[in-house]
Amino acid sequence: MTETEEGKKPARVVVADDQTVVREGIVMLLGLLPGVEVVGAAGDGEEAVRLVGELAPDVVLMDLRMPRCDGVEATRRIRSRYPGTQVVVLTTYADDESLFPALQAGARGYLTKDAGGDEIVRAVESVLSGDAGLSPSVQRRLLERLSQPEPTPAPTPAPSEPPDGLTARETEVLLLIADGLSNQEIARRLHVSTATVKTHINNLFSKTGLKDRAQAVRYAFSKGLVRPPVK
């Protein structure tokens, strides 16, 4: 295994896609990019789960609609059995019926297949650093969906104090996550270091039982910390 120019080992990636031409094209593309090493390729979800068990990759680039075991179920199995491996969905579909089940199954990233190589590498790096690897269009769709009122909403006043024992600063960080800001952007906004931001995120995740930024967005809406936009 070679190291990148910065001295970091490349991310070890398994590609899962049932279309041979697409799968081989993704593998070829990733082979040209720095920071990524493709260690395996799977033609369906069953094979993807097996390869993760054998190869222990850092990330799986997962198609959703595959035979035998689809990408959502494969993601669920991988995250349950091999929590050290992250999943980034790479699919043609960005509809709600594809997006939300994949995120609920444990995917930390979601890209459509029109993503460029640089965007794929950024998503891989993001999920390995603890961030969500969501394309801008997917993140907008997620926020739009979460901002939609429930069919029969009961008006709930904003809490007078942060929930679950969060500090004021942890709550502020949570709201900035819900606004779609990255760790670096939050650090600039609050005039602190990214390490401090990560500490706040770790603390608020620990207190609330959250696992990733997508869950944090849902949590902020469910607690009334973020209001749907007025149309």
C-alpha atoms as a PDB file:
ATOM      1  CA  MET A   1       0.000   0.000   0.000  1.00  0.00           C
ATOM      2  CA  THR A   2       1.414   3.361  -1.018  1.00  0.00           C
ATOM      3  CA  GLU A   3       1.021   6.611   0.844  1.00  0.00           C
ATOM      4  CA  THR A   4      -0.217   9.922  -0.499  1.00  0.00           C
ATOM      5  CA  GLU A   5       2.037  12.962  -0.863  1.00  0.00           C
ATOM      6  CA  GLU A   6       0.826  14.180   2.546  1.00  0.00           C
ATOM      7  CA  GLY A   7       2.027  10.929   4.126  1.00  0.00           C
ATOM      8  CA  LYS A   8      -1.483   9.631   4.779  1.00  0.00           C
ATOM      9  CA  LYS A   9      -2.458   6.135   3.766  1.00  0.00           C
ATOM     10  CA  PRO A  10      -5.107   6.145   1.051  1.00  0.00           C
ATOM     11  CA  ALA A  11      -8.661   5.221   1.947  1.00  0.00           C
ATOM     12  CA  ARG A  12      -9.317   1.562   1.151  1.00  0.00           C
ATOM     13  CA  VAL A  13     -12.537   1.341  -0.859  1.00  0.00           C
ATOM     14  CA  VAL A  14     -14.855  -1.418  -2.088  1.00  0.00           C
ATOM     15  CA  VAL A  15     -17.136  -0.559  -5.029  1.00  0.00           C
ATOM     16  CA  ALA A  16     -20.559  -2.263  -5.203  1.00  0.00           C
ATOM     17  CA  ASP A  17     -22.630  -1.975  -8.386  1.00  0.00           C
ATOM     18  CA  ASP A  18     -24.497  -4.644 -10.332  1.00  0.00           C
ATOM     19  CA  GLN A  19     -23.803  -3.085 -13.746  1.00  0.00           C
ATOM     20  CA  THR A  20     -20.409  -4.323 -14.906  1.00  0.00           C
ATOM     21  CA  VAL A  21     -19.655  -1.361 -17.161  1.00  0.00           C
ATOM     22  CA  VAL A  22     -20.561   1.144 -14.429  1.00  0.00           C
ATOM     23  CA  ARG A  23     -18.667  -0.774 -11.747  1.00  0.00           C
ATOM     24  CA  GLU A  24     -15.517  -1.056 -13.855  1.00  0.00           C
ATOM     25  CA  GLY A  25     -15.792   2.605 -14.823  1.00  0.00           C
ATOM     26  CA  ILE A  26     -15.964   3.696 -11.182  1.00  0.00           C
ATOM     27  CA  VAL A  27     -13.010   1.477 -10.304  1.00  0.00           C
ATOM     28  CA  MET A  28     -11.008   2.935 -13.194  1.00  0.00           C
ATOM     29  CA  LEU A  29     -11.911   6.505 -12.206  1.00  0.00           C
ATOM     30  CA  LEU A  30     -10.934   5.978  -8.570  1.00  0.00           C
ATOM     31  CA  GLY A  31      -7.666   4.404  -9.663  1.00  0.00           C
ATOM     32  CA  LEU A  32      -6.684   7.742 -11.203  1.00  0.00           C
ATOM     33  CA  LEU A  33      -7.413   9.766  -8.076  1.00  0.00           C
ATOM     34  CA  PRO A  34      -5.135  10.439  -5.108  1.00  0.00           C
ATOM     35  CA  GLY A  35      -6.164   9.361  -1.641  1.00  0.00           C
ATOM     36  CA  VAL A  36      -8.166   6.291  -2.679  1.00  0.00           C
ATOM     37  CA  GLU A  37      -7.190   2.649  -3.167  1.00  0.00           C
ATOM     38  CA  VAL A  38      -9.819   0.270  -4.579  1.00  0.00           C
ATOM     39  CA  VAL A  39      -9.365  -3.085  -2.832  1.00  0.00           C
ATOM     40  CA  GLY A  40     -12.435  -4.906  -4.145  1.00  0.00           C
ATOM     41  CA  ALA A  41     -15.525  -4.733  -6.355  1.00  0.00           C
ATOM     42  CA  ALA A  42     -18.894  -6.418  -5.814  1.00  0.00           C
ATOM     43  CA  GLY A  43     -21.751  -7.130  -8.202  1.00  0.00           C
ATOM     44  CA  ASP A  44     -24.505  -7.169  -5.569  1.00  0.00           C
ATOM     45  CA  GLY A  45     -25.194  -6.521  -1.911  1.00  0.00           C
ATOM     46  CA  GLU A  46     -24.429 -10.057  -0.750  1.00  0.00           C
ATOM     47  CA  GLU A  47     -20.988  -9.910  -2.317  1.00  0.00           C
ATOM     48  CA  ALA A  48     -20.412  -6.434  -0.870  1.00  0.00           C
ATOM     49  CA  VAL A  49     -21.089  -7.671   2.665  1.00  0.00           C
ATOM     50  CA  ARG A  50     -18.794 -10.665   2.106  1.00  0.00           C
ATOM     51  CA  LEU A  51     -15.961  -8.502   0.771  1.00  0.00           C
ATOM     52  CA  VAL A  52     -16.215  -6.136   3.718  1.00  0.00           C
ATOM     53  CA  GLY A  53     -15.835  -9.094   6.055  1.00  0.00           C
ATOM     54  CA  GLU A  54     -12.785 -10.320   4.144  1.00  0.00           C
ATOM     55  CA  LEU A  55     -11.051  -7.036   3.325  1.00  0.00           C
ATOM     56  CA  ALA A  56     -12.127  -4.632   6.105  1.00  0.00           C
ATOM     57  CA  PRO A  57     -12.180  -1.580   3.815  1.00  0.00           C
ATOM     58  CA  ASP A  58     -12.554   1.940   5.138  1.00  0.00           C
ATOM     59  CA  VAL A  59     -15.474   2.786   2.855  1.00  0.00           C
ATOM     60  CA  VAL A  60     -17.941   1.041   0.541  1.00  0.00           C
ATOM     61  CA  LEU A  61     -19.287   2.983  -2.447  1.00  0.00           C
ATOM     62  CA  MET A  62     -22.736   1.396  -2.594  1.00  0.00           C
ATOM     63  CA  ASP A  63     -25.255   1.282  -5.407  1.00  0.00           C
ATOM     64  CA  LEU A  64     -28.841   0.894  -4.178  1.00  0.00           C
ATOM     65  CA  ARG A  65     -30.792  -1.195  -6.667  1.00  0.00           C
ATOM     66  CA  MET A  66     -28.999  -4.520  -6.961  1.00  0.00           C
ATOM     67  CA  PRO A  67     -30.137  -8.175  -7.090  1.00  0.00           C
ATOM     68  CA  ARG A  68     -30.100 -10.688  -4.216  1.00  0.00           C
ATOM     69  CA  CYS A  69     -29.497  -7.989  -1.594  1.00  0.00           C
ATOM     70  CA  ASP A  70     -30.124  -4.328  -2.362  1.00  0.00           C
ATOM     71  CA  GLY A  71     -27.913  -1.483  -1.229  1.00  0.00           C
ATOM     72  CA  VAL A  72     -30.076  -0.479   1.736  1.00  0.00           C
ATOM     73  CA  GLU A  73     -30.069  -3.964   3.238  1.00  0.00           C
ATOM     74  CA  ALA A  74     -26.354  -4.394   2.476  1.00  0.00           C
ATOM     75  CA  THR A  75     -25.673  -1.073   4.211  1.00  0.00           C
ATOM     76  CA  ARG A  76     -27.669  -2.172   7.245  1.00  0.00           C
ATOM     77  CA  ARG A  77     -25.731  -5.448   7.488  1.00  0.00           C
ATOM     78  CA  ILE A  78     -22.345  -3.795   7.027  1.00  0.00           C
ATOM     79  CA  ARG A  79     -22.962  -1.092   9.623  1.00  0.00           C
ATOM     80  CA  SER A  80     -24.269  -3.699  12.070  1.00  0.00           C
ATOM     81  CA  ARG A  81     -21.531  -6.288  11.584  1.00  0.00           C
ATOM     82  CA  TYR A  82     -18.556  -4.123  10.603  1.00  0.00           C
ATOM     83  CA  PRO A  83     -18.962  -0.671  12.209  1.00  0.00           C
ATOM     84  CA  GLY A  84     -15.413   0.285  11.232  1.00  0.00           C
ATOM     85  CA  THR A  85     -16.481   0.462   7.582  1.00  0.00           C
ATOM     86  CA  GLN A  86     -18.433   3.505   6.401  1.00  0.00           C
ATOM     87  CA  VAL A  87     -20.887   3.491   3.499  1.00  0.00           C
ATOM     88  CA  VAL A  88     -21.285   6.161   0.838  1.00  0.00           C
ATOM     89  CA  VAL A  89     -24.227   5.593  -1.484  1.00  0.00           C
ATOM     90  CA  LEU A  90     -23.422   6.215  -5.154  1.00  0.00           C
ATOM     91  CA  THR A  91     -26.626   5.829  -7.140  1.00  0.00           C
ATOM     92  CA  THR A  92     -28.693   7.162 -10.006  1.00  0.00           C
ATOM     93  CA  TYR A  93     -31.611   7.870  -7.693  1.00  0.00           C
ATOM     94  CA  ALA A  94     -32.065  10.878  -5.404  1.00  0.00           C
ATOM     95  CA  ASP A  95     -35.759  10.406  -4.608  1.00  0.00           C
ATOM     96  CA  ASP A  96     -37.050  10.243  -1.039  1.00  0.00           C
ATOM     97  CA  GLU A  97     -37.788   6.523  -1.320  1.00  0.00           C
ATOM     98  CA  SER A  98     -34.086   5.906  -1.952  1.00  0.00           C
ATOM     99  CA  LEU A  99     -32.461   8.640   0.119  1.00  0.00           C
ATOM    100  CA  PHE A 100     -34.088   8.248   3.517  1.00  0.00           C
ATOM    101  CA  PRO A 101     -33.998   4.435   3.831  1.00  0.00           C
ATOM    102  CA  ALA A 102     -30.297   4.500   2.933  1.00  0.00           C
ATOM    103  CA  LEU A 103     -29.509   7.108   5.586  1.00  0.00           C
ATOM    104  CA  GLN A 104     -31.626   5.276   8.148  1.00  0.00           C
ATOM    105  CA  ALA A 105     -29.715   2.071   7.357  1.00  0.00           C
ATOM    106  CA  GLY A 106     -26.483   3.813   8.327  1.00  0.00           C
ATOM    107  CA  ALA A 107     -25.064   5.362   5.164  1.00  0.00           C
ATOM    108  CA  ARG A 108     -22.932   8.393   6.037  1.00  0.00           C
ATOM    109  CA  GLY A 109     -22.738   9.727   2.495  1.00  0.00           C
ATOM    110  CA  TYR A 110     -25.051   9.952  -0.500  1.00  0.00           C
ATOM    111  CA  LEU A 111     -24.009  10.930  -4.019  1.00  0.00           C
ATOM    112  CA  THR A 112     -25.620  10.575  -7.408  1.00  0.00           C
ATOM    113  CA  LYS A 113     -23.687   9.051 -10.287  1.00  0.00           C
ATOM    114  CA  ASP A 114     -23.196  12.387 -11.995  1.00  0.00           C
ATOM    115  CA  ALA A 115     -20.733  13.247  -9.197  1.00  0.00           C
ATOM    116  CA  GLY A 116     -17.204  13.910 -10.371  1.00  0.00           C
ATOM    117  CA  GLY A 117     -14.121  12.154  -9.085  1.00  0.00           C
ATOM    118  CA  ASP A 118     -13.172  15.031  -6.788  1.00  0.00           C
ATOM    119  CA  GLU A 119     -16.641  14.995  -5.226  1.00  0.00           C
ATOM    120  CA  ILE A 120     -16.398  11.255  -4.579  1.00  0.00           C
ATOM    121  CA  VAL A 121     -12.998  11.678  -2.907  1.00  0.00           C
ATOM    122  CA  ARG A 122     -14.346  14.533  -0.757  1.00  0.00           C
ATOM    123  CA  ALA A 123     -17.274  12.357   0.335  1.00  0.00           C
ATOM    124  CA  VAL A 124     -14.932   9.506   1.255  1.00  0.00           C
ATOM    125  CA  GLU A 125     -12.695  11.850   3.237  1.00  0.00           C
ATOM    126  CA  SER A 126     -15.704  13.446   4.942  1.00  0.00           C
ATOM    127  CA  VAL A 127     -17.201  10.207   6.233  1.00  0.00           C
ATOM    128  CA  LEU A 128     -13.801   9.034   7.460  1.00  0.00           C
ATOM    129  CA  SER A 129     -13.384  12.273   9.421  1.00  0.00           C
ATOM    130  CA  GLY A 130     -16.814  11.901  11.019  1.00  0.00           C
ATOM    131  CA  ASP A 131     -18.720  14.261   8.750  1.00  0.00           C
ATOM    132  CA  ALA A 132     -21.549  13.451   6.360  1.00  0.00           C
ATOM    133  CA  GLY A 133     -20.591  13.037   2.707  1.00  0.00           C
ATOM    134  CA  LEU A 134     -23.762  14.442   1.169  1.00  0.00           C
ATOM    135  CA  SER A 135     -23.847  16.161  -2.194  1.00  0.00           C
ATOM    136  CA  PRO A 136     -25.273  19.716  -2.044  1.00  0.00           C
ATOM    137  CA  SER A 137     -28.452  18.666  -3.879  1.00  0.00           C
ATOM    138  CA  VAL A 138     -29.019  15.741  -1.513  1.00  0.00           C
ATOM    139  CA  GLN A 139     -28.412  17.898   1.549  1.00  0.00           C
ATOM    140  CA  ARG A 140     -30.920  20.455   0.277  1.00  0.00           C
ATOM    141  CA  ARG A 141     -33.468  17.679  -0.303  1.00  0.00           C
ATOM    142  CA  LEU A 142     -32.879  16.349   3.196  1.00  0.00           C
ATOM    143  CA  LEU A 143     -33.398  19.763   4.755  1.00  0.00           C
ATOM    144  CA  GLU A 144     -36.487  20.411   2.618  1.00  0.00           C
ATOM    145  CA  ARG A 145     -38.022  17.111   3.676  1.00  0.00           C
ATOM    146  CA  LEU A 146     -37.262  17.661   7.336  1.00  0.00           C
ATOM    147  CA  SER A 147     -38.656  21.189   7.201  1.00  0.00           C
ATOM    148  CA  GLN A 148     -42.037  19.992   5.942  1.00  0.00           C
ATOM    149  CA  PRO A 149     -44.674  20.054   8.705  1.00  0.00           C
ATOM    150  CA  GLU A 150     -46.255  16.822   9.834  1.00  0.00           C
ATOM    151  CA  PRO A 151     -49.774  16.111   8.486  1.00  0.00           C
ATOM    152  CA  THR A 152     -51.358  16.890  11.868  1.00  0.00           C
ATOM    153  CA  PRO A 153     -48.720  18.821  13.762  1.00  0.00           C
ATOM    154  CA  ALA A 154     -49.266  19.776  17.347  1.00  0.00           C
ATOM    155  CA  PRO A 155     -47.778  23.213  17.999  1.00  0.00           C
ATOM    156  CA  THR A 156     -44.880  22.898  20.389  1.00  0.00           C
ATOM    157  CA  PRO A 157     -43.190  25.926  21.888  1.00  0.00           C
ATOM    158  CA  ALA A 158     -39.469  26.211  21.527  1.00  0.00           C
ATOM    159  CA  PRO A 159     -37.793  24.831  24.639  1.00  0.00           C
ATOM    160  CA  SER A 160     -36.825  27.393  27.220  1.00  0.00           C
ATOM    161  CA  GLU A 161     -33.545  25.598  27.795  1.00  0.00           C
ATOM    162  CA  PRO A 162     -31.471  23.206  25.691  1.00  0.00           C
ATOM    163  CA  PRO A 163     -32.676  19.577  25.743  1.00  0.00           C
ATOM    164  CA  ASP A 164     -30.757  16.560  27.048  1.00  0.00           C
ATOM    165  CA  GLY A 165     -28.365  18.653  29.110  1.00  0.00           C
ATOM    166  CA  LEU A 166     -26.746  20.358  26.125  1.00  0.00           C
ATOM    167  CA  THR A 167     -24.795  23.493  26.876  1.00  0.00           C
ATOM    168  CA  ALA A 168     -25.570  26.730  25.076  1.00  0.00           C
ATOM    169  CA  ARG A 169     -22.472  26.327  22.906  1.00  0.00           C
ATOM    170  CA  GLU A 170     -23.292  22.695  22.054  1.00  0.00           C
ATOM    171  CA  THR A 171     -26.781  23.819  21.058  1.00  0.00           C
ATOM    172  CA  GLU A 172     -25.279  26.563  18.905  1.00  0.00           C
ATOM    173  CA  VAL A 173     -23.066  23.999  17.159  1.00  0.00           C
ATOM    174  CA  LEU A 174     -26.103  21.760  16.629  1.00  0.00           C
ATOM    175  CA  LEU A 175     -28.021  24.601  14.966  1.00  0.00           C
ATOM    176  CA  LEU A 176     -25.090  25.318  12.644  1.00  0.00           C
ATOM    177  CA  ILE A 177     -24.966  21.623  11.700  1.00  0.00           C
ATOM    178  CA  ALA A 178     -28.679  21.845  10.904  1.00  0.00           C
ATOM    179  CA  ASP A 179     -27.877  24.838   8.673  1.00  0.00           C
ATOM    180  CA  GLY A 180     -25.553  22.561   6.672  1.00  0.00           C
ATOM    181  CA  LEU A 181     -22.224  24.043   7.810  1.00  0.00           C
ATOM    182  CA  SER A 182     -19.084  21.922   7.839  1.00  0.00           C
ATOM    183  CA  ASN A 183     -16.775  21.701  10.860  1.00  0.00           C
ATOM    184  CA  GLN A 184     -14.430  24.242   9.270  1.00  0.00           C
ATOM    185  CA  GLU A 185     -17.285  26.658   8.566  1.00  0.00           C
ATOM    186  CA  ILE A 186     -18.602  26.291  12.115  1.00  0.00           C
ATOM    187  CA  ALA A 187     -15.111  26.994  13.471  1.00  0.00           C
ATOM    188  CA  ARG A 188     -14.883  30.185  11.429  1.00  0.00           C
ATOM    189  CA  ARG A 189     -18.374  31.273  12.467  1.00  0.00           C
ATOM    190  CA  LEU A 190     -17.657  30.754  16.176  1.00  0.00           C
ATOM    191  CA  HIS A 191     -14.013  31.885  16.005  1.00  0.00           C
ATOM    192  CA  VAL A 192     -12.725  28.639  17.489  1.00  0.00           C
ATOM    193  CA  SER A 193     -10.541  25.794  16.225  1.00  0.00           C
ATOM    194  CA  THR A 194     -11.902  22.808  14.321  1.00  0.00           C
ATOM    195  CA  ALA A 195     -10.665  20.624  17.186  1.00  0.00           C
ATOM    196  CA  THR A 196     -12.911  22.569  19.568  1.00  0.00           C
ATOM    197  CA  VAL A 197     -15.839  22.127  17.188  1.00  0.00           C
ATOM    198  CA  LYS A 198     -15.222  18.365  17.055  1.00  0.00           C
ATOM    199  CA  THR A 199     -15.156  18.267  20.865  1.00  0.00           C
ATOM    200  CA  HIS A 200     -18.539  20.030  21.041  1.00  0.00           C
ATOM    201  CA  ILE A 201     -19.958  17.645  18.413  1.00  0.00           C
ATOM    202  CA  ASN A 202     -18.654  14.588  20.277  1.00  0.00           C
ATOM    203  CA  ASN A 203     -20.189  15.899  23.498  1.00  0.00           C
ATOM    204  CA  LEU A 204     -23.600  16.642  22.003  1.00  0.00           C
ATOM    205  CA  PHE A 205     -23.637  13.278  20.176  1.00  0.00           C
ATOM    206  CA  SER A 206     -22.821  11.533  23.451  1.00  0.00           C
ATOM    207  CA  LYS A 207     -25.557  13.348  25.375  1.00  0.00           C
ATOM    208  CA  THR A 208     -28.247  12.813  22.742  1.00  0.00           C
ATOM    209  CA  GLY A 209     -27.282   9.364  21.448  1.00  0.00           C
ATOM    210  CA  LEU A 210     -26.874  10.719  17.916  1.00  0.00           C
ATOM    211  CA  LYS A 211     -24.531   8.966  15.495  1.00  0.00           C
ATOM    212  CA  ASP A 212     -24.101  11.353  12.581  1.00  0.00           C
ATOM    213  CA  ARG A 213     -24.993  14.768  11.171  1.00  0.00           C
ATOM    214  CA  ALA A 214     -28.114  13.550   9.375  1.00  0.00           C
ATOM    215  CA  GLN A 215     -29.522  12.389  12.710  1.00  0.00           C
ATOM    216  CA  ALA A 216     -28.475  15.705  14.255  1.00  0.00           C
ATOM    217  CA  VAL A 217     -30.557  17.606  11.692  1.00  0.00           C
ATOM    218  CA  ARG A 218     -33.598  15.452  12.442  1.00  0.00           C
ATOM    219  CA  TYR A 219     -33.015  15.893  16.176  1.00  0.00           C
ATOM    220  CA  ALA A 220     -32.862  19.693  15.888  1.00  0.00           C
ATOM    221  CA  PHE A 221     -36.206  19.762  14.081  1.00  0.00           C
ATOM    222  CA  SER A 222     -37.851  17.254  16.416  1.00  0.00           C
ATOM    223  CA  LYS A 223     -36.853  19.300  19.474  1.00  0.00           C
ATOM    224  CA  GLY A 224     -38.203  22.505  18.002  1.00  0.00           C
ATOM    225  CA  LEU A 225     -34.742  24.080  17.844  1.00  0.00           C
ATOM    226  CA  VAL A 226     -35.165  24.754  14.117  1.00  0.00           C
ATOM    227  CA  ARG A 227     -38.372  26.004  12.577  1.00  0.00           C
ATOM    228  CA  PRO A 228     -39.539  25.228   9.013  1.00  0.00           C
ATOM    229  CA  PRO A 229     -39.001  28.199   6.697  1.00  0.00           C
ATOM    230  CA  VAL A 230     -41.992  30.516   6.258  1.00  0.00           C
ATOM    231  CA  LYS A 231     -43.299  30.312   2.698  1.00  0.00           C
END
